N, C-alpha and C. Protein backbone atom coordinates (compact mmCIF):
# COMPACT_ATOMS: atom_id res chain seq x y z
N MET A 1 10.32 10.60 17.94
CA MET A 1 9.42 9.52 17.64
C MET A 1 9.62 9.06 16.20
N VAL A 2 9.39 7.78 16.01
CA VAL A 2 9.53 7.15 14.70
C VAL A 2 8.19 6.51 14.35
N LYS A 3 7.66 6.83 13.20
CA LYS A 3 6.41 6.21 12.75
C LYS A 3 6.74 4.88 12.10
N LEU A 4 6.06 3.82 12.53
CA LEU A 4 6.25 2.47 11.99
C LEU A 4 4.94 1.98 11.42
N VAL A 5 5.03 1.21 10.35
CA VAL A 5 3.85 0.60 9.75
C VAL A 5 4.04 -0.90 9.77
N PHE A 6 3.17 -1.60 10.49
CA PHE A 6 3.18 -3.06 10.55
C PHE A 6 2.05 -3.56 9.65
N ILE A 7 2.36 -4.55 8.82
CA ILE A 7 1.35 -5.14 7.94
C ILE A 7 1.31 -6.63 8.20
N ARG A 8 0.14 -7.10 8.62
CA ARG A 8 -0.05 -8.52 8.92
C ARG A 8 -0.30 -9.28 7.62
N LEU A 9 0.48 -10.34 7.43
CA LEU A 9 0.31 -11.21 6.26
C LEU A 9 -0.52 -12.41 6.66
N PRO A 10 -1.36 -12.97 5.83
CA PRO A 10 -1.57 -12.60 4.43
C PRO A 10 -2.71 -11.61 4.22
N ASP A 11 -3.43 -11.20 5.25
CA ASP A 11 -4.64 -10.38 5.04
C ASP A 11 -4.37 -8.90 4.81
N GLY A 12 -3.15 -8.41 5.09
CA GLY A 12 -2.80 -7.03 4.81
C GLY A 12 -3.29 -6.01 5.83
N LYS A 13 -3.81 -6.47 6.98
CA LYS A 13 -4.25 -5.51 8.01
C LYS A 13 -3.06 -4.67 8.44
N LYS A 14 -3.27 -3.35 8.50
CA LYS A 14 -2.20 -2.40 8.76
C LYS A 14 -2.34 -1.80 10.17
N TYR A 15 -1.20 -1.68 10.84
CA TYR A 15 -1.11 -1.04 12.15
C TYR A 15 -0.04 0.05 12.04
N THR A 16 -0.39 1.29 12.31
CA THR A 16 0.57 2.38 12.28
C THR A 16 0.74 2.88 13.70
N VAL A 17 1.99 2.96 14.14
CA VAL A 17 2.28 3.37 15.52
C VAL A 17 3.45 4.35 15.54
N ASP A 18 3.52 5.11 16.62
CA ASP A 18 4.67 5.97 16.88
C ASP A 18 5.48 5.31 17.98
N ALA A 19 6.78 5.24 17.79
CA ALA A 19 7.67 4.58 18.76
C ALA A 19 8.86 5.47 19.04
N ALA A 20 9.45 5.28 20.20
CA ALA A 20 10.61 6.07 20.60
C ALA A 20 11.87 5.54 19.94
N ALA A 21 12.66 6.45 19.40
CA ALA A 21 13.99 6.07 18.90
C ALA A 21 14.80 5.55 20.08
N GLY A 22 15.61 4.54 19.82
CA GLY A 22 16.45 3.96 20.86
C GLY A 22 15.93 2.63 21.37
N GLN A 23 14.63 2.42 21.30
CA GLN A 23 14.10 1.11 21.71
C GLN A 23 14.17 0.16 20.53
N SER A 24 14.02 -1.12 20.79
CA SER A 24 14.06 -2.09 19.70
C SER A 24 12.71 -2.12 18.98
N LEU A 25 12.75 -2.58 17.76
CA LEU A 25 11.52 -2.76 17.00
C LEU A 25 10.59 -3.72 17.73
N MET A 26 11.14 -4.76 18.36
CA MET A 26 10.33 -5.70 19.13
C MET A 26 9.64 -5.01 20.29
N ALA A 27 10.36 -4.19 21.05
CA ALA A 27 9.78 -3.49 22.19
C ALA A 27 8.66 -2.56 21.74
N ALA A 28 8.85 -1.88 20.63
CA ALA A 28 7.81 -1.01 20.10
C ALA A 28 6.57 -1.81 19.73
N ALA A 29 6.76 -2.97 19.10
CA ALA A 29 5.63 -3.82 18.71
C ALA A 29 4.87 -4.33 19.94
N ILE A 30 5.60 -4.75 20.95
CA ILE A 30 4.95 -5.27 22.16
C ILE A 30 4.21 -4.15 22.88
N THR A 31 4.82 -2.97 22.97
CA THR A 31 4.18 -1.82 23.62
C THR A 31 2.84 -1.49 22.97
N HIS A 32 2.78 -1.66 21.66
CA HIS A 32 1.57 -1.31 20.91
C HIS A 32 0.68 -2.52 20.59
N ASN A 33 0.95 -3.64 21.26
CA ASN A 33 0.13 -4.85 21.09
C ASN A 33 0.00 -5.30 19.64
N ILE A 34 1.11 -5.24 18.91
CA ILE A 34 1.10 -5.71 17.53
C ILE A 34 1.05 -7.24 17.55
N PRO A 35 0.09 -7.82 16.82
CA PRO A 35 -0.01 -9.29 16.83
C PRO A 35 1.20 -9.96 16.18
N ARG A 36 1.43 -11.18 16.61
CA ARG A 36 2.49 -12.05 16.09
C ARG A 36 3.89 -11.70 16.55
N ILE A 37 4.05 -10.68 17.35
CA ILE A 37 5.35 -10.36 17.94
C ILE A 37 5.25 -10.72 19.41
N LEU A 38 5.88 -11.83 19.78
CA LEU A 38 5.78 -12.31 21.15
C LEU A 38 6.97 -11.91 22.01
N GLY A 39 8.15 -11.97 21.47
CA GLY A 39 9.34 -11.59 22.22
C GLY A 39 9.54 -12.42 23.47
N GLU A 40 9.37 -13.72 23.34
CA GLU A 40 9.43 -14.61 24.51
C GLU A 40 10.77 -14.58 25.23
N CYS A 41 11.85 -14.30 24.54
CA CYS A 41 13.17 -14.28 25.21
C CYS A 41 13.52 -12.89 25.73
N GLY A 42 12.61 -11.94 25.60
CA GLY A 42 12.86 -10.61 26.12
C GLY A 42 13.86 -9.80 25.31
N GLY A 43 14.13 -10.21 24.11
CA GLY A 43 15.05 -9.47 23.26
C GLY A 43 16.47 -9.98 23.29
N ALA A 44 16.68 -11.19 23.79
CA ALA A 44 18.02 -11.75 23.91
C ALA A 44 18.50 -12.49 22.66
N CYS A 45 17.75 -12.40 21.58
CA CYS A 45 18.12 -13.07 20.32
C CYS A 45 18.27 -14.57 20.55
N ALA A 46 17.26 -15.15 21.21
CA ALA A 46 17.36 -16.57 21.55
C ALA A 46 16.15 -17.39 21.15
N CYS A 47 15.11 -16.79 20.52
CA CYS A 47 13.92 -17.60 20.30
C CYS A 47 13.28 -17.46 18.93
N GLY A 48 13.37 -16.34 18.30
CA GLY A 48 12.76 -16.16 16.98
C GLY A 48 11.28 -15.78 17.01
N THR A 49 10.71 -15.48 18.19
CA THR A 49 9.29 -15.14 18.26
C THR A 49 9.00 -13.67 17.91
N CYS A 50 10.00 -13.00 17.37
CA CYS A 50 9.81 -11.63 16.88
C CYS A 50 10.22 -11.54 15.41
N HIS A 51 10.10 -12.66 14.71
CA HIS A 51 10.46 -12.75 13.29
C HIS A 51 9.57 -11.82 12.46
N VAL A 52 10.20 -11.00 11.65
CA VAL A 52 9.48 -10.09 10.75
C VAL A 52 10.18 -10.09 9.39
N TYR A 53 9.50 -9.49 8.42
CA TYR A 53 10.10 -9.25 7.11
C TYR A 53 10.23 -7.74 6.93
N ILE A 54 11.38 -7.31 6.44
CA ILE A 54 11.63 -5.91 6.10
C ILE A 54 11.99 -5.89 4.62
N ALA A 55 11.27 -5.10 3.83
CA ALA A 55 11.51 -5.05 2.39
C ALA A 55 12.97 -4.75 2.08
N ARG A 56 13.47 -5.37 1.04
CA ARG A 56 14.88 -5.18 0.66
C ARG A 56 15.22 -3.71 0.46
N ALA A 57 14.28 -2.93 -0.07
CA ALA A 57 14.52 -1.51 -0.30
C ALA A 57 14.76 -0.75 1.00
N GLU A 58 14.29 -1.28 2.12
CA GLU A 58 14.44 -0.61 3.41
C GLU A 58 15.54 -1.24 4.27
N GLN A 59 16.17 -2.29 3.78
CA GLN A 59 17.20 -2.98 4.56
C GLN A 59 18.40 -2.08 4.87
N GLN A 60 18.68 -1.09 4.02
CA GLN A 60 19.83 -0.21 4.27
C GLN A 60 19.64 0.63 5.53
N LYS A 61 18.42 0.75 6.03
CA LYS A 61 18.16 1.49 7.27
C LYS A 61 18.52 0.67 8.51
N LEU A 62 18.73 -0.62 8.33
CA LEU A 62 18.91 -1.54 9.45
C LEU A 62 20.38 -1.85 9.70
N PRO A 63 20.70 -2.24 10.94
CA PRO A 63 22.06 -2.73 11.18
C PRO A 63 22.23 -4.07 10.47
N PRO A 64 23.47 -4.45 10.16
CA PRO A 64 23.68 -5.74 9.51
C PRO A 64 23.30 -6.90 10.43
N LEU A 65 23.00 -8.02 9.81
CA LEU A 65 22.71 -9.24 10.58
C LEU A 65 23.92 -9.63 11.41
N SER A 66 23.68 -10.00 12.64
CA SER A 66 24.76 -10.53 13.49
C SER A 66 24.77 -12.05 13.33
N LEU A 67 25.85 -12.68 13.73
CA LEU A 67 25.92 -14.15 13.65
C LEU A 67 24.85 -14.81 14.51
N PRO A 68 24.59 -14.36 15.75
CA PRO A 68 23.51 -14.99 16.52
C PRO A 68 22.14 -14.85 15.85
N GLU A 69 21.88 -13.69 15.23
CA GLU A 69 20.61 -13.51 14.53
C GLU A 69 20.51 -14.45 13.34
N GLU A 70 21.58 -14.58 12.57
CA GLU A 70 21.59 -15.50 11.43
C GLU A 70 21.31 -16.93 11.89
N ASP A 71 21.91 -17.33 13.02
CA ASP A 71 21.71 -18.68 13.55
C ASP A 71 20.26 -18.94 13.91
N ILE A 72 19.62 -18.00 14.58
CA ILE A 72 18.20 -18.16 14.95
C ILE A 72 17.34 -18.19 13.71
N LEU A 73 17.56 -17.27 12.79
CA LEU A 73 16.75 -17.21 11.58
C LEU A 73 16.82 -18.51 10.77
N ALA A 74 17.96 -19.14 10.77
CA ALA A 74 18.14 -20.36 9.97
C ALA A 74 17.19 -21.48 10.36
N PHE A 75 16.67 -21.44 11.58
CA PHE A 75 15.78 -22.50 12.05
C PHE A 75 14.31 -22.12 12.02
N LEU A 76 13.97 -20.98 11.49
CA LEU A 76 12.58 -20.52 11.50
C LEU A 76 11.82 -20.95 10.26
N ALA A 77 10.56 -21.28 10.44
CA ALA A 77 9.67 -21.53 9.30
C ALA A 77 9.40 -20.19 8.62
N GLY A 78 9.26 -20.21 7.34
CA GLY A 78 8.94 -18.99 6.60
C GLY A 78 10.12 -18.07 6.37
N LEU A 79 11.33 -18.61 6.50
CA LEU A 79 12.53 -17.80 6.29
C LEU A 79 12.54 -17.25 4.87
N GLN A 80 12.79 -15.95 4.75
CA GLN A 80 12.89 -15.27 3.46
C GLN A 80 14.16 -14.41 3.48
N PRO A 81 14.63 -13.96 2.33
CA PRO A 81 15.78 -13.05 2.32
C PRO A 81 15.52 -11.76 3.12
N GLU A 82 14.25 -11.40 3.28
CA GLU A 82 13.86 -10.19 4.00
C GLU A 82 13.67 -10.43 5.49
N SER A 83 13.91 -11.65 5.98
CA SER A 83 13.69 -12.00 7.39
C SER A 83 14.67 -11.30 8.31
N ARG A 84 14.14 -10.81 9.43
CA ARG A 84 14.94 -10.24 10.50
C ARG A 84 14.27 -10.56 11.83
N LEU A 85 15.02 -10.40 12.91
CA LEU A 85 14.46 -10.49 14.25
C LEU A 85 14.28 -9.07 14.76
N ALA A 86 13.06 -8.73 15.14
CA ALA A 86 12.75 -7.36 15.56
C ALA A 86 13.54 -6.95 16.80
N CYS A 87 13.93 -7.93 17.62
CA CYS A 87 14.70 -7.60 18.83
C CYS A 87 16.09 -7.10 18.50
N GLN A 88 16.55 -7.32 17.29
CA GLN A 88 17.90 -6.95 16.90
C GLN A 88 17.94 -5.66 16.08
N ILE A 89 16.82 -4.96 16.05
CA ILE A 89 16.73 -3.73 15.27
C ILE A 89 16.44 -2.55 16.20
N PRO A 90 17.48 -1.80 16.59
CA PRO A 90 17.24 -0.61 17.39
C PRO A 90 16.67 0.50 16.49
N LEU A 91 15.64 1.15 16.95
CA LEU A 91 15.00 2.19 16.15
C LEU A 91 15.83 3.47 16.16
N THR A 92 15.94 4.07 14.99
CA THR A 92 16.62 5.35 14.84
C THR A 92 15.70 6.30 14.08
N GLU A 93 15.97 7.58 14.19
CA GLU A 93 15.14 8.60 13.53
C GLU A 93 15.06 8.38 12.01
N ASP A 94 16.09 7.85 11.40
CA ASP A 94 16.07 7.65 9.95
C ASP A 94 15.22 6.46 9.51
N MET A 95 14.59 5.79 10.46
CA MET A 95 13.70 4.67 10.13
C MET A 95 12.23 5.13 10.01
N GLU A 96 12.01 6.42 9.89
CA GLU A 96 10.67 6.97 9.78
C GLU A 96 9.88 6.23 8.69
N GLU A 97 8.68 5.78 9.05
CA GLU A 97 7.76 5.05 8.19
C GLU A 97 8.32 3.72 7.69
N LEU A 98 9.15 3.10 8.53
CA LEU A 98 9.64 1.76 8.22
C LEU A 98 8.44 0.82 8.13
N THR A 99 8.37 0.04 7.08
CA THR A 99 7.29 -0.92 6.91
C THR A 99 7.78 -2.30 7.33
N VAL A 100 7.03 -2.91 8.23
CA VAL A 100 7.40 -4.20 8.82
C VAL A 100 6.28 -5.18 8.49
N TYR A 101 6.62 -6.30 7.87
CA TYR A 101 5.63 -7.31 7.53
C TYR A 101 5.65 -8.42 8.58
N LEU A 102 4.47 -8.81 9.04
CA LEU A 102 4.32 -9.82 10.07
C LEU A 102 3.96 -11.16 9.45
N PRO A 103 4.90 -12.13 9.46
CA PRO A 103 4.60 -13.43 8.84
C PRO A 103 3.54 -14.20 9.62
């Protein structure tokens, strides 16, 4: 299990959940009813409804951006250097206490 911390912006409400390694960050968020993560495309990297921010200090825990992910992110409102799509982040044991910000 991997402990994840979701923080809703701008109010800072925190959600802490345990998720299974191997599933996507998006799947973990949907399983735990985390607000603002819709995953309308089912994780196919086609919609951007799982847009999150991951602090730069924690980016080394993540796989690199793929070209399809970069393309989707380019069209999203609120794009930041910390922007990622949760569907493109498979959870691993070394992501313990990963902090995810919900735009």
